[in-house]
N, C-alpha and C. Protein backbone atom coordinates (compact mmCIF):
# COMPACT_ATOMS: atom_id res chain seq x y z
N MET A 1 14.97 4.57 -32.71
CA MET A 1 15.30 3.11 -33.10
C MET A 1 14.44 2.67 -34.26
N LYS A 2 15.10 2.04 -35.13
CA LYS A 2 14.46 1.57 -36.36
C LYS A 2 14.30 -0.01 -36.31
N LEU A 3 12.90 -0.35 -36.36
CA LEU A 3 12.60 -1.76 -36.21
C LEU A 3 12.07 -2.30 -37.71
N LYS A 4 12.07 -3.40 -37.97
CA LYS A 4 11.50 -3.96 -39.09
C LYS A 4 10.01 -3.96 -38.82
N ARG A 5 9.15 -3.94 -39.91
CA ARG A 5 7.79 -3.89 -39.66
C ARG A 5 7.17 -5.03 -38.83
N SER A 6 7.69 -6.18 -39.13
CA SER A 6 7.33 -7.39 -38.34
C SER A 6 7.71 -7.25 -36.82
N GLU A 7 8.84 -6.62 -36.54
CA GLU A 7 9.25 -6.46 -35.19
C GLU A 7 8.28 -5.49 -34.49
N TYR A 8 8.06 -4.28 -35.22
CA TYR A 8 7.17 -3.36 -34.78
C TYR A 8 5.87 -3.90 -34.42
N LEU A 9 5.18 -4.68 -35.34
CA LEU A 9 3.97 -5.28 -35.03
C LEU A 9 4.00 -6.20 -33.80
N GLN A 10 5.14 -6.82 -33.67
CA GLN A 10 5.38 -7.75 -32.44
C GLN A 10 5.30 -6.97 -31.22
N VAL A 11 5.96 -5.75 -31.13
CA VAL A 11 5.91 -4.90 -30.06
C VAL A 11 4.55 -4.44 -29.72
N VAL A 12 3.82 -3.97 -30.68
CA VAL A 12 2.40 -3.56 -30.64
C VAL A 12 1.69 -4.65 -29.92
N GLY A 13 1.71 -5.89 -30.47
CA GLY A 13 1.03 -6.98 -29.91
C GLY A 13 1.33 -7.36 -28.48
N LEU A 14 2.67 -7.24 -28.18
CA LEU A 14 3.09 -7.56 -26.77
C LEU A 14 2.63 -6.51 -25.88
N LEU A 15 2.56 -5.20 -26.25
CA LEU A 15 2.14 -4.24 -25.33
C LEU A 15 0.71 -4.35 -25.06
N ALA A 16 -0.14 -4.79 -26.09
CA ALA A 16 -1.58 -4.96 -25.98
C ALA A 16 -1.81 -6.06 -25.01
N LEU A 17 -0.99 -7.12 -25.27
CA LEU A 17 -1.08 -8.33 -24.35
C LEU A 17 -0.66 -8.04 -22.83
N ALA A 18 0.32 -7.07 -22.75
CA ALA A 18 0.72 -6.67 -21.45
C ALA A 18 -0.45 -5.95 -20.69
N SER A 19 -1.00 -5.09 -21.40
CA SER A 19 -2.20 -4.29 -20.92
C SER A 19 -3.31 -5.15 -20.43
N THR A 20 -3.66 -6.25 -21.29
CA THR A 20 -4.82 -7.18 -20.86
C THR A 20 -4.20 -7.99 -19.72
N HIS A 21 -3.06 -8.36 -19.71
CA HIS A 21 -2.53 -9.08 -18.59
C HIS A 21 -2.53 -8.29 -17.32
N SER A 22 -2.19 -7.14 -17.41
CA SER A 22 -2.22 -6.28 -16.21
C SER A 22 -3.55 -6.09 -15.56
N LYS A 23 -4.58 -5.87 -16.47
CA LYS A 23 -5.91 -5.72 -15.95
C LYS A 23 -6.43 -6.99 -15.38
N ALA A 24 -6.04 -8.17 -15.95
CA ALA A 24 -6.29 -9.54 -15.22
C ALA A 24 -5.74 -9.60 -13.97
N LEU A 25 -4.51 -9.27 -13.85
CA LEU A 25 -3.78 -9.36 -12.58
C LEU A 25 -4.52 -8.36 -11.48
N GLU A 26 -4.88 -7.21 -11.94
CA GLU A 26 -5.68 -6.40 -10.91
C GLU A 26 -7.00 -6.96 -10.49
N ASP A 27 -7.73 -7.62 -11.40
CA ASP A 27 -8.86 -8.21 -11.16
C ASP A 27 -8.75 -9.51 -10.17
N ILE A 28 -7.59 -10.14 -10.37
CA ILE A 28 -7.17 -11.42 -9.46
C ILE A 28 -6.82 -10.82 -8.10
N GLU A 29 -6.14 -9.75 -8.05
CA GLU A 29 -5.67 -9.13 -6.75
C GLU A 29 -6.98 -8.74 -6.13
N ALA A 30 -7.91 -7.99 -6.66
CA ALA A 30 -9.16 -7.59 -6.06
C ALA A 30 -9.89 -8.76 -5.48
N ALA A 31 -10.01 -9.87 -6.30
CA ALA A 31 -10.76 -10.99 -5.89
C ALA A 31 -10.15 -11.63 -4.67
N ILE A 32 -8.81 -11.77 -4.63
CA ILE A 32 -8.11 -12.37 -3.43
C ILE A 32 -8.30 -11.50 -2.19
N CYS A 33 -8.07 -10.12 -2.44
CA CYS A 33 -8.35 -9.16 -1.23
C CYS A 33 -9.78 -9.35 -0.66
N LYS A 34 -10.74 -9.53 -1.54
CA LYS A 34 -12.06 -9.63 -0.99
C LYS A 34 -12.22 -10.90 -0.24
N LEU A 35 -11.53 -11.87 -0.64
CA LEU A 35 -11.55 -13.22 0.11
C LEU A 35 -10.89 -13.18 1.51
N VAL A 36 -9.84 -12.45 1.53
CA VAL A 36 -9.04 -12.36 2.80
C VAL A 36 -9.30 -11.06 3.53
N GLY A 37 -10.21 -10.29 3.07
CA GLY A 37 -10.44 -9.07 3.84
C GLY A 37 -9.56 -7.95 3.70
N GLU A 38 -8.80 -7.87 2.68
CA GLU A 38 -7.83 -6.71 2.48
C GLU A 38 -8.35 -5.75 1.47
N LYS A 39 -7.68 -4.56 1.40
CA LYS A 39 -8.14 -3.72 0.32
C LYS A 39 -6.97 -3.48 -0.59
N PRO A 40 -7.26 -3.84 -2.00
CA PRO A 40 -6.25 -3.74 -2.93
C PRO A 40 -5.60 -2.26 -3.07
N HIS A 41 -4.37 -2.29 -3.43
CA HIS A 41 -3.70 -0.96 -3.72
C HIS A 41 -3.71 -0.10 -2.51
N GLU A 42 -3.85 -0.42 -1.26
CA GLU A 42 -3.87 0.56 -0.18
C GLU A 42 -2.93 0.09 0.99
N GLY A 43 -1.78 -0.40 0.51
CA GLY A 43 -0.87 -0.69 1.72
C GLY A 43 -1.30 -2.02 2.41
N ALA A 44 -2.53 -2.19 2.89
CA ALA A 44 -2.96 -3.35 3.58
C ALA A 44 -3.02 -4.47 2.56
N GLY A 45 -3.29 -4.24 1.44
CA GLY A 45 -3.33 -5.31 0.24
C GLY A 45 -1.92 -5.66 -0.25
N GLU A 46 -0.88 -5.21 0.48
CA GLU A 46 0.47 -5.36 -0.09
C GLU A 46 0.84 -6.81 -0.12
N HIS A 47 0.34 -7.56 0.89
CA HIS A 47 0.65 -8.95 0.99
C HIS A 47 0.07 -9.77 -0.22
N VAL A 48 -1.14 -9.30 -0.65
CA VAL A 48 -1.78 -10.03 -1.73
C VAL A 48 -0.92 -9.67 -2.98
N GLY A 49 -0.57 -8.36 -3.22
CA GLY A 49 0.33 -7.96 -4.38
C GLY A 49 1.59 -8.72 -4.33
N ASP A 50 2.17 -8.80 -3.06
CA ASP A 50 3.47 -9.53 -2.94
C ASP A 50 3.24 -10.88 -3.49
N ALA A 51 2.27 -11.65 -3.11
CA ALA A 51 1.95 -13.03 -3.53
C ALA A 51 1.83 -13.11 -5.01
N ILE A 52 1.24 -12.12 -5.66
CA ILE A 52 1.06 -12.08 -7.05
C ILE A 52 2.26 -11.83 -7.82
N TYR A 53 3.02 -10.89 -7.41
CA TYR A 53 4.09 -10.37 -8.22
C TYR A 53 5.45 -10.90 -7.80
N ALA A 54 5.56 -11.60 -6.54
CA ALA A 54 6.78 -12.18 -6.21
C ALA A 54 6.45 -13.63 -5.87
N PRO A 55 7.55 -14.52 -5.78
CA PRO A 55 7.36 -15.78 -5.51
C PRO A 55 6.86 -16.18 -4.15
N HIS A 56 5.67 -15.82 -3.69
CA HIS A 56 5.26 -16.17 -2.38
C HIS A 56 4.03 -17.04 -2.51
N THR A 57 3.91 -18.07 -1.54
CA THR A 57 2.91 -19.02 -1.72
C THR A 57 1.68 -18.40 -0.92
N ALA A 58 0.58 -19.07 -1.13
CA ALA A 58 -0.56 -18.72 -0.43
C ALA A 58 -0.41 -18.72 1.08
N ASP A 59 0.20 -19.79 1.51
CA ASP A 59 0.50 -19.93 3.03
C ASP A 59 1.21 -18.65 3.50
N GLN A 60 2.28 -18.39 2.83
CA GLN A 60 3.16 -17.27 3.18
C GLN A 60 2.43 -15.93 3.29
N MET A 61 1.61 -15.73 2.15
CA MET A 61 0.62 -14.53 2.15
C MET A 61 -0.33 -14.60 3.31
N LEU A 62 -0.85 -15.65 3.66
CA LEU A 62 -1.86 -15.60 4.74
C LEU A 62 -1.18 -15.33 6.07
N GLU A 63 0.02 -15.97 6.32
CA GLU A 63 0.80 -15.74 7.49
C GLU A 63 1.20 -14.28 7.68
N ARG A 64 1.55 -13.63 6.53
CA ARG A 64 1.92 -12.20 6.62
C ARG A 64 0.77 -11.28 6.93
N ILE A 65 -0.50 -11.75 6.35
CA ILE A 65 -1.68 -10.91 6.61
C ILE A 65 -1.97 -11.10 8.14
N ASP A 66 -1.91 -12.26 8.72
CA ASP A 66 -2.19 -12.45 10.13
C ASP A 66 -1.25 -11.75 10.97
N ALA A 67 0.06 -11.62 10.59
CA ALA A 67 1.10 -10.91 11.37
C ALA A 67 0.75 -9.51 11.43
N GLN A 68 0.40 -9.05 10.12
CA GLN A 68 0.10 -7.50 9.98
C GLN A 68 -1.17 -7.18 10.94
N ARG A 69 -2.20 -7.98 10.88
CA ARG A 69 -3.25 -7.80 11.71
C ARG A 69 -2.95 -7.75 13.16
N LYS A 70 -2.12 -8.56 13.63
CA LYS A 70 -1.73 -8.72 15.04
C LYS A 70 -0.98 -7.42 15.38
N ARG A 71 -0.06 -6.87 14.49
CA ARG A 71 0.62 -5.74 14.65
C ARG A 71 -0.26 -4.47 14.74
N ASP A 72 -1.15 -4.47 13.82
CA ASP A 72 -2.12 -3.35 13.70
C ASP A 72 -3.07 -3.30 15.08
N ALA A 73 -3.45 -4.60 15.56
CA ALA A 73 -4.17 -4.62 16.80
C ALA A 73 -3.31 -4.05 17.98
N LYS A 74 -2.15 -4.40 18.10
CA LYS A 74 -1.23 -3.91 19.20
C LYS A 74 -1.18 -2.37 19.16
N VAL A 75 -1.03 -1.80 17.90
CA VAL A 75 -0.99 -0.36 17.78
C VAL A 75 -2.19 0.19 18.19
N LYS A 76 -3.41 -0.26 17.97
CA LYS A 76 -4.70 0.37 18.41
C LYS A 76 -4.87 0.25 19.69
N LYS A 77 -4.31 -0.70 20.37
CA LYS A 77 -4.53 -0.82 21.89
C LYS A 77 -3.75 0.21 22.69
N LYS A 78 -2.60 0.81 22.05
CA LYS A 78 -1.78 1.83 22.73
C LYS A 78 -2.50 3.13 22.67
């Protein structure tokens, strides 16, 4: 694909921005997981990731975390 120099520089800049943005989102996810007692990137933190990357509210996220913990507790009892 052939791009104009200015378009190429825009792509380079946007990719750099995406990398910085991605790192910031990882930091945000880790901070929220710490607050709610989840582990980021390990399945259990999926509710936090869902709230960040999908249109879920904080209340929805917390409800899902509570529901997951209740399900996990039932499984451990068996």
